Amino acid sequence: MNWYPRENYLKKIRDFYHETDIIKVITGVRRCGKSCIMETIASELKESGIPTDRLYFFDLDSKAYHKILKAEQLEALLESIPPVSETKYLFIDEIQNVKGFEIILNSLRRTNEWSIFITGSNSYLLSGELMTKLTGRYIEFEMFPLSFEEYEGIKEFYGKAIASDRQEELQNYILEGGFPRTIQMDSISAKRRYVQSVIDEIFEKDIRRRLKIRNKNTFETVQKYIINNFGATTSLKSLKKAIEQSGTAISEATIARYIKALLDSKILCECPRFDMKSKKSLSGEKKYYLADTAFYFAQNTDNRINFGPVLENITYIYARSHDYSVSVGRVGKLECDFILRNDEMRYSYIQVAYTIALSKETEDREYRPLEAIKDNYPKYVVTADSILQQRNGIEHINLVDFMRNGKAF
């Protein structure tokens, strides 16, 4: 089957296709497209002349291999592969299902006979033993659900209609989300049932198995509250107060444990706060964004869009998918929505709003934090406005056009 080529990720991985001393680790929330990326890589290797008898693909969530749960079982499976004199290519999907997998992979890597690609759906994959045994011997490529330009690209790839009005297409993206499988579905209800099934799968496979959740209802209360309040400045104290007001008694320690589970399973992304004056991270209050806005709409029947946090969420995921480190900036008493840092340690600053065209007061509110930053790195006001302006060297951009072109901040 031909998969939509997600070039934003493929171009990062290609330099390592033939490296036998570095394990390629592809991480991301369940169903975001990790398996398809690996199959696309395998297809590209075939097209380059690598014969199929040197390509091996094992999906550990599939019926054929789901009983492989121990290191010795994985070892026996790999030892059954016939030896060849040239490099073999190994693809293992959902490797975290196997306890002690890192021992097997490390020994395999040491042979220099294999180019190894693995995927995992939670942060446990890159913790503990793997970090110890494979330090400096793996590279992580983090994936997200479809960004806006990928959303339009995959619709075109599969012959689905794209709205001519950019505001309508943005709204479609917000409500439907970016899980690749949903592009094949025509009704919004089917898309939401699918996303809810992803949430349920994450709980069963990535959370319940690893945490002793004594009260599933309490966990779901915390999960729903965090999802419903994405993009809001949050502390454990304020979360505890809000959740207890709904009738659920809970400790801050339990809330912290549940949030960590949601972060590890990659439903949530944590955005730390950074003080521009002291150049230090701020503890306590944080913001949490969703890996995909579909998580919110799958759990809420209301289709009304609060564009403020939604556009922040989309901007955050877009920046992360283009390899920026992202934090919230405090500039004195003002707050800058996002500070971005790229691999070359260059910064950019972003304010996000649905529109600044309503009043001079709205415009000033968005420009003021950026004007208070005195360095010469790029500064952007990101909106859905059609009419754009410039002010004091700050660039006003339309988010849809910017993402459609795959631009970098």
Protein backbone atom coordinates (compact mmCIF):
# COMPACT_ATOMS: atom_id res chain seq x y z
CA MET A 1 0.00 0.00 0.00
CA ASN A 2 1.21 3.52 -0.78
CA TRP A 3 1.34 5.73 2.30
CA TYR A 4 1.25 9.51 2.31
CA PRO A 5 4.92 10.52 2.55
CA ARG A 6 5.34 12.67 5.64
CA GLU A 7 8.39 14.46 4.35
CA ASN A 8 8.84 16.61 7.43
CA TYR A 9 9.87 13.46 9.33
CA LEU A 10 11.38 11.40 6.52
CA LYS A 11 13.94 14.08 5.68
CA LYS A 12 15.21 13.93 9.28
CA ILE A 13 15.59 10.15 9.26
CA ARG A 14 17.09 9.54 5.78
CA ASP A 15 20.64 10.38 6.80
CA PHE A 16 20.51 7.44 9.23
CA TYR A 17 18.88 4.77 7.04
CA HIS A 18 22.09 2.73 6.72
CA GLU A 19 23.69 3.45 10.10
CA THR A 20 24.20 0.18 12.01
CA ASP A 21 25.62 1.68 15.20
CA ILE A 22 22.67 4.02 15.87
CA ILE A 23 19.16 2.80 16.69
CA LYS A 24 16.44 4.94 15.17
CA VAL A 25 13.67 5.46 17.77
CA ILE A 26 10.37 6.86 16.45
CA THR A 27 8.09 8.01 19.27
CA GLY A 28 4.64 9.58 19.36
CA VAL A 29 1.10 9.18 20.60
CA ARG A 30 -0.69 6.03 19.45
CA ARG A 31 -2.10 6.12 15.90
CA CYS A 32 -0.19 9.25 14.87
CA GLY A 33 1.46 7.43 11.95
CA LYS A 34 4.64 5.81 13.30
CA SER A 35 4.00 2.43 11.63
CA CYS A 36 3.32 4.11 8.29
CA ILE A 37 6.57 6.06 8.54
CA MET A 38 8.47 2.81 9.06
CA GLU A 39 6.69 1.18 6.12
CA THR A 40 7.50 4.24 3.99
CA ILE A 41 11.16 3.93 4.99
CA ALA A 42 11.10 0.23 4.04
CA SER A 43 9.55 1.16 0.66
CA GLU A 44 12.24 3.76 0.03
CA LEU A 45 14.92 1.18 0.85
CA LYS A 46 13.34 -1.27 -1.62
CA GLU A 47 13.24 1.43 -4.30
CA SER A 48 16.95 2.10 -3.67
CA GLY A 49 17.76 -1.53 -4.46
CA ILE A 50 17.67 -3.25 -1.04
CA PRO A 51 16.12 -6.73 -1.61
CA THR A 52 13.13 -7.81 0.48
CA ASP A 53 15.09 -10.67 2.09
CA ARG A 54 17.08 -8.03 3.99
CA LEU A 55 14.01 -6.16 5.29
CA TYR A 56 12.17 -7.46 8.37
CA PHE A 57 9.07 -5.85 9.90
CA PHE A 58 7.49 -7.00 13.19
CA ASP A 59 4.37 -5.32 14.62
CA LEU A 60 4.24 -6.39 18.26
CA ASP A 61 0.63 -5.22 18.56
CA SER A 62 -0.47 -7.54 15.74
CA LYS A 63 -2.08 -10.96 16.20
CA ALA A 64 1.02 -12.69 14.84
CA TYR A 65 3.40 -11.21 17.41
CA HIS A 66 1.35 -9.89 20.34
CA LYS A 67 2.43 -12.80 22.55
CA ILE A 68 6.08 -11.76 22.34
CA LEU A 69 6.37 -10.07 25.72
CA LYS A 70 9.74 -11.21 27.06
CA ALA A 71 13.32 -10.56 25.95
CA GLU A 72 14.04 -14.23 25.32
CA GLN A 73 10.99 -14.50 23.05
CA LEU A 74 12.17 -11.50 21.03
CA GLU A 75 15.66 -12.96 20.88
CA ALA A 76 14.32 -16.30 19.56
CA LEU A 77 12.30 -14.47 16.88
CA LEU A 78 15.33 -12.53 15.68
CA GLU A 79 17.60 -15.59 15.75
CA SER A 80 15.20 -17.32 13.35
CA ILE A 81 16.10 -14.80 10.62
CA PRO A 82 18.49 -16.35 8.05
CA PRO A 83 21.98 -14.78 8.07
CA VAL A 84 23.19 -12.75 5.09
CA SER A 85 26.54 -11.07 4.51
CA GLU A 86 25.15 -7.57 3.87
CA THR A 87 23.35 -5.14 6.18
CA LYS A 88 19.85 -6.20 7.21
CA TYR A 89 17.11 -3.73 8.13
CA LEU A 90 14.96 -4.39 11.19
CA PHE A 91 11.66 -2.60 11.92
CA ILE A 92 9.92 -3.31 15.24
CA ASP A 93 6.63 -1.60 16.00
CA GLU A 94 5.58 -0.96 19.65
CA ILE A 95 8.81 -2.34 21.10
CA GLN A 96 7.83 -1.31 24.64
CA ASN A 97 5.55 -4.38 24.77
CA VAL A 98 8.65 -6.51 25.40
CA LYS A 99 10.14 -6.39 28.87
CA GLY A 100 13.92 -6.12 28.65
CA PHE A 101 13.95 -5.35 24.91
CA GLU A 102 16.89 -2.94 25.32
CA ILE A 103 19.28 -5.80 26.18
CA ILE A 104 18.44 -7.60 22.94
CA LEU A 105 18.64 -4.47 20.80
CA ASN A 106 21.95 -3.43 22.31
CA SER A 107 23.52 -6.81 21.61
CA LEU A 108 22.10 -6.74 18.07
CA ARG A 109 23.46 -3.24 17.50
CA ARG A 110 26.93 -4.35 18.56
CA THR A 111 27.09 -6.83 15.68
CA ASN A 112 27.02 -3.96 13.13
CA GLU A 113 24.92 -6.24 10.92
CA TRP A 114 21.60 -4.47 11.41
CA SER A 115 20.13 -1.05 10.79
CA ILE A 116 17.47 -0.93 13.49
CA PHE A 117 14.25 1.12 13.56
CA ILE A 118 11.82 0.90 16.49
CA THR A 119 8.64 2.71 17.51
CA GLY A 120 7.03 3.29 20.87
CA SER A 121 3.94 5.07 22.07
CA ASN A 122 5.06 6.34 25.46
CA SER A 123 7.95 8.01 27.21
CA TYR A 124 8.82 4.89 29.21
CA LEU A 125 10.52 3.77 26.00
CA LEU A 126 13.33 6.28 26.57
CA SER A 127 13.70 5.89 30.30
CA GLY A 128 15.59 3.69 32.72
CA GLU A 129 17.48 0.80 31.20
CA LEU A 130 17.32 2.01 27.61
CA MET A 131 18.98 5.29 28.52
CA THR A 132 21.66 3.41 30.49
CA LYS A 133 22.45 0.77 27.88
CA LEU A 134 22.05 2.82 24.72
CA THR A 135 23.34 6.26 25.74
CA GLY A 136 24.68 7.94 22.63
CA ARG A 137 23.62 4.97 20.50
CA TYR A 138 20.11 5.98 19.56
CA ILE A 139 18.39 8.99 18.03
CA GLU A 140 14.80 9.87 18.85
CA PHE A 141 12.49 11.19 16.15
CA GLU A 142 9.31 12.44 17.80
CA MET A 143 6.15 12.36 15.68
CA PHE A 144 2.86 14.17 16.11
CA PRO A 145 -0.52 13.78 14.43
CA LEU A 146 -0.88 15.61 11.12
CA SER A 147 0.05 19.28 11.13
CA PHE A 148 -2.16 21.55 9.04
CA GLU A 149 -0.05 21.34 5.87
CA GLU A 150 0.06 17.54 6.24
CA TYR A 151 -3.70 17.46 6.83
CA GLU A 152 -4.29 19.17 3.49
CA GLY A 153 -1.55 17.13 1.83
CA ILE A 154 -2.97 13.77 2.89
CA LYS A 155 -6.49 14.81 1.84
CA GLU A 156 -5.15 15.62 -1.62
CA PHE A 157 -3.17 12.34 -1.64
CA TYR A 158 -6.34 10.30 -0.97
CA GLY A 159 -8.61 12.39 -3.20
CA LYS A 160 -10.59 14.07 -0.41
CA ALA A 161 -12.10 17.52 -0.89
CA ILE A 162 -10.24 20.54 0.46
CA ALA A 163 -12.33 23.61 1.32
CA SER A 164 -11.49 26.59 -0.89
CA ASP A 165 -12.10 28.99 2.00
CA ARG A 166 -9.08 28.89 4.30
CA GLN A 167 -11.11 29.68 7.42
CA GLU A 168 -13.45 26.78 6.68
CA GLU A 169 -10.52 24.42 6.12
CA LEU A 170 -8.91 25.55 9.39
CA GLN A 171 -12.18 24.86 11.20
CA ASN A 172 -12.37 21.40 9.62
CA TYR A 173 -8.85 20.67 10.84
CA ILE A 174 -9.65 21.86 14.35
CA LEU A 175 -12.84 19.78 14.67
CA GLU A 176 -11.61 16.63 12.89
CA GLY A 177 -8.05 16.59 14.20
CA GLY A 178 -4.93 15.17 12.65
CA PHE A 179 -5.04 11.41 13.16
CA PRO A 180 -4.23 10.01 9.70
CA ARG A 181 -6.82 7.21 9.83
CA THR A 182 -9.69 9.67 10.22
CA ILE A 183 -8.99 11.15 6.78
CA GLN A 184 -10.53 7.99 5.31
CA MET A 185 -13.74 8.58 7.29
CA ASP A 186 -16.47 10.84 5.94
CA SER A 187 -18.64 11.61 8.98
CA ILE A 188 -17.53 13.68 11.94
CA SER A 189 -19.23 11.21 14.29
CA ALA A 190 -17.11 8.34 12.92
CA LYS A 191 -13.95 10.43 13.32
CA ARG A 192 -14.80 11.19 16.94
CA ARG A 193 -15.63 7.57 17.76
CA TYR A 194 -12.24 6.63 16.36
CA VAL A 195 -10.41 9.25 18.46
CA GLN A 196 -12.30 8.11 21.57
CA SER A 197 -11.15 4.56 20.81
CA VAL A 198 -7.56 5.88 20.69
CA ILE A 199 -8.03 7.43 24.14
CA ASP A 200 -9.40 4.13 25.46
CA GLU A 201 -6.52 2.19 23.87
CA ILE A 202 -3.96 4.52 25.44
CA PHE A 203 -5.52 4.02 28.88
CA GLU A 204 -5.51 0.22 28.57
CA LYS A 205 -2.09 -0.24 26.95
CA ASP A 206 0.00 2.69 28.14
CA ILE A 207 -1.47 3.75 31.48
CA ARG A 208 -3.41 0.99 33.26
CA ARG A 209 -0.70 -1.61 32.63
CA ARG A 210 2.02 0.57 34.15
CA LEU A 211 0.20 2.42 36.92
CA LYS A 212 -1.95 0.88 39.60
CA ILE A 213 -5.02 3.04 38.99
CA ARG A 214 -7.26 2.15 41.91
CA ASN A 215 -10.12 4.36 40.80
CA LYS A 216 -10.58 4.67 37.05
CA ASN A 217 -13.36 7.25 37.49
CA THR A 218 -11.02 9.57 39.42
CA PHE A 219 -8.35 9.20 36.76
CA GLU A 220 -10.88 10.00 34.03
CA THR A 221 -12.03 13.07 35.99
CA VAL A 222 -8.46 14.39 36.05
CA GLN A 223 -7.91 13.47 32.39
CA LYS A 224 -11.10 15.17 31.24
CA TYR A 225 -10.42 18.29 33.31
CA ILE A 226 -6.90 18.68 31.86
CA ILE A 227 -8.12 18.03 28.31
CA ASN A 228 -10.99 20.49 28.70
CA ASN A 229 -8.66 23.21 30.01
CA PHE A 230 -5.75 22.82 27.60
CA GLY A 231 -3.68 25.97 27.10
CA ALA A 232 -4.63 27.36 30.53
CA THR A 233 -1.99 28.24 33.12
CA THR A 234 -2.26 25.47 35.69
CA SER A 235 -0.78 24.45 39.04
CA LEU A 236 -1.32 21.33 41.15
CA LYS A 237 -2.98 23.48 43.82
CA SER A 238 -5.47 25.02 41.39
CA LEU A 239 -6.16 21.63 39.79
CA LYS A 240 -6.85 20.04 43.17
CA LYS A 241 -9.26 22.85 44.09
CA ALA A 242 -11.14 22.67 40.77
CA ILE A 243 -11.44 18.87 40.80
CA GLU A 244 -12.59 18.75 44.43
CA GLN A 245 -15.25 21.35 43.62
CA SER A 246 -16.71 18.79 41.22
CA GLY A 247 -17.09 16.35 44.10
CA THR A 248 -13.93 14.24 43.71
CA ALA A 249 -11.52 14.13 46.65
CA ILE A 250 -7.92 13.87 45.47
CA SER A 251 -4.38 14.70 46.61
CA GLU A 252 -1.83 16.81 44.73
CA ALA A 253 0.48 13.77 44.59
CA THR A 254 -2.19 11.71 42.81
CA ILE A 255 -2.89 14.54 40.35
CA ALA A 256 0.84 14.81 39.62
CA ARG A 257 1.04 11.05 39.02
CA TYR A 258 -1.94 11.11 36.65
CA ILE A 259 -0.59 14.11 34.72
CA LYS A 260 2.74 12.34 34.32
CA ALA A 261 0.87 9.32 32.94
CA LEU A 262 -0.90 11.55 30.38
CA LEU A 263 2.44 13.15 29.45
CA ASP A 264 4.21 9.80 29.18
CA SER A 265 1.44 8.43 26.96
CA LYS A 266 1.82 11.59 24.85
CA ILE A 267 -1.82 12.69 25.05
CA LEU A 268 -0.50 15.86 26.69
CA CYS A 269 2.54 18.03 26.07
CA GLU A 270 3.96 20.16 28.86
CA CYS A 271 5.02 23.72 28.10
CA PRO A 272 7.23 25.16 30.85
CA ARG A 273 7.30 28.84 31.77
CA PHE A 274 10.48 30.89 31.42
CA ASP A 275 11.37 34.25 32.93
CA MET A 276 13.00 36.44 30.28
CA LYS A 277 14.66 38.70 32.86
CA SER A 278 16.32 36.11 35.08
CA LYS A 279 16.74 33.59 32.23
CA LYS A 280 15.43 30.86 34.53
CA SER A 281 12.60 28.36 34.27
CA LEU A 282 9.64 29.07 36.55
CA SER A 283 8.44 26.23 38.75
CA GLY A 284 4.84 25.67 39.76
CA GLU A 285 2.48 26.94 37.08
CA LYS A 286 2.64 25.33 33.64
CA LYS A 287 0.59 25.05 30.49
CA TYR A 288 -0.50 21.78 28.91
CA TYR A 289 -1.34 21.36 25.25
CA LEU A 290 -2.96 18.43 23.47
CA ALA A 291 -1.14 16.24 20.97
CA ASP A 292 -4.26 16.81 18.87
CA THR A 293 -7.33 19.03 19.33
CA ALA A 294 -9.46 15.99 18.42
CA PHE A 295 -8.89 14.74 21.98
CA TYR A 296 -10.97 17.69 23.21
CA PHE A 297 -13.79 17.41 20.68
CA ALA A 298 -14.04 13.62 21.03
CA GLN A 299 -14.92 14.09 24.69
CA ASN A 300 -17.23 17.06 24.22
CA THR A 301 -20.38 17.23 22.12
CA ASP A 302 -20.14 21.02 21.78
CA ASN A 303 -18.69 22.09 18.40
CA ARG A 304 -18.13 25.69 19.43
CA ILE A 305 -14.47 26.62 19.11
CA ASN A 306 -12.64 28.76 21.64
CA PHE A 307 -10.14 30.03 19.09
CA GLY A 308 -7.67 31.45 21.61
CA PRO A 309 -6.39 28.20 23.16
CA VAL A 310 -7.10 26.21 19.96
CA LEU A 311 -4.84 28.38 17.80
CA GLU A 312 -2.22 28.33 20.56
CA ASN A 313 -2.40 24.53 20.57
CA ILE A 314 -2.06 24.32 16.78
CA THR A 315 0.89 26.73 16.81
CA TYR A 316 2.56 24.80 19.63
CA ILE A 317 2.25 21.42 17.86
CA TYR A 318 3.36 22.94 14.55
CA ALA A 319 6.48 24.35 16.22
CA ARG A 320 7.24 21.07 18.01
CA SER A 321 6.80 19.09 14.79
CA HIS A 322 9.43 21.36 13.21
CA ASP A 323 11.89 20.59 16.03
CA TYR A 324 11.59 23.76 18.10
CA SER A 325 11.86 23.70 21.86
CA VAL A 326 8.90 25.69 23.15
CA SER A 327 8.25 27.52 26.42
CA VAL A 328 5.94 30.25 27.70
CA GLY A 329 7.78 33.51 28.37
CA ARG A 330 7.30 35.99 31.18
CA VAL A 331 8.47 39.52 30.37
CA GLY A 332 8.13 41.48 33.60
CA LYS A 333 4.39 41.52 34.26
CA LEU A 334 3.60 40.55 30.66
CA GLU A 335 3.47 37.08 29.13
CA CYS A 336 4.72 36.04 25.71
CA ASP A 337 2.73 33.07 24.42
CA PHE A 338 5.74 31.16 23.10
CA ILE A 339 9.52 31.35 23.07
CA LEU A 340 10.91 29.06 20.37
CA ARG A 341 14.48 27.78 20.19
CA ASN A 342 15.87 25.80 17.27
CA ASP A 343 18.81 23.36 17.09
CA GLU A 344 21.18 26.24 16.35
CA MET A 345 20.15 27.98 19.60
CA ARG A 346 18.37 30.76 17.71
CA TYR A 347 15.23 32.16 19.27
CA SER A 348 11.93 33.52 18.02
CA TYR A 349 8.95 34.92 19.90
CA ILE A 350 5.26 34.44 19.17
CA GLN A 351 1.96 35.94 20.26
CA VAL A 352 -1.16 34.05 19.13
CA ALA A 353 -4.66 35.51 18.78
CA TYR A 354 -7.65 34.75 16.58
CA THR A 355 -7.75 38.38 15.42
CA ILE A 356 -6.26 41.76 16.28
CA ALA A 357 -8.64 43.61 13.97
CA LEU A 358 -11.37 44.21 16.55
CA SER A 359 -9.83 47.19 18.32
CA LYS A 360 -6.64 49.11 18.99
CA GLU A 361 -6.75 47.75 22.52
CA THR A 362 -6.65 44.16 21.22
CA GLU A 363 -3.78 44.99 18.88
CA ASP A 364 -1.80 46.65 21.67
CA ARG A 365 -2.35 43.69 24.00
CA GLU A 366 -0.74 41.29 21.53
CA TYR A 367 2.13 43.54 20.45
CA ARG A 368 3.09 44.83 23.90
CA PRO A 369 4.90 41.69 25.21
CA LEU A 370 6.92 41.41 22.00
CA GLU A 371 7.84 45.10 22.07
CA ALA A 372 9.15 44.59 25.62
CA ILE A 373 11.69 42.01 24.40
CA LYS A 374 14.84 43.95 23.50
CA ASP A 375 16.89 41.46 21.50
CA ASN A 376 16.92 41.19 17.71
CA TYR A 377 15.50 37.71 17.24
CA PRO A 378 12.36 37.40 15.04
CA LYS A 379 9.01 38.27 16.60
CA TYR A 380 5.60 37.27 15.27
CA VAL A 381 1.95 38.03 15.93
CA VAL A 382 0.06 34.98 14.64
CA THR A 383 -3.63 35.36 13.79
CA ALA A 384 -6.33 34.20 11.38
CA ASP A 385 -6.66 37.73 9.96
CA SER A 386 -6.66 38.28 6.19
CA ILE A 387 -5.38 41.84 6.39
CA LEU A 388 -1.88 41.93 7.84
CA GLN A 389 0.23 44.77 9.19
CA GLN A 390 3.75 45.42 10.49
CA ARG A 391 4.65 47.26 13.66
CA ASN A 392 8.06 47.99 15.17
CA GLY A 393 9.73 45.20 13.19
CA ILE A 394 7.23 42.60 14.41
CA GLU A 395 5.82 40.43 11.63
CA HIS A 396 2.07 39.82 11.52
CA ILE A 397 1.33 36.48 9.83
CA ASN A 398 -1.77 34.48 8.89
CA LEU A 399 -1.41 31.08 10.56
CA VAL A 400 -3.12 29.10 7.78
CA ASP A 401 -0.94 30.55 5.02
CA PHE A 402 2.17 30.14 7.14
CA MET A 403 1.48 26.46 7.84
CA ARG A 404 0.34 25.70 4.29
CA ASN A 405 3.80 26.70 3.11
CA GLY A 406 5.55 24.69 5.83
CA LYS A 407 7.48 27.77 6.89
CA ALA A 408 9.84 27.98 9.85
CA PHE A 409 9.57 30.67 12.50
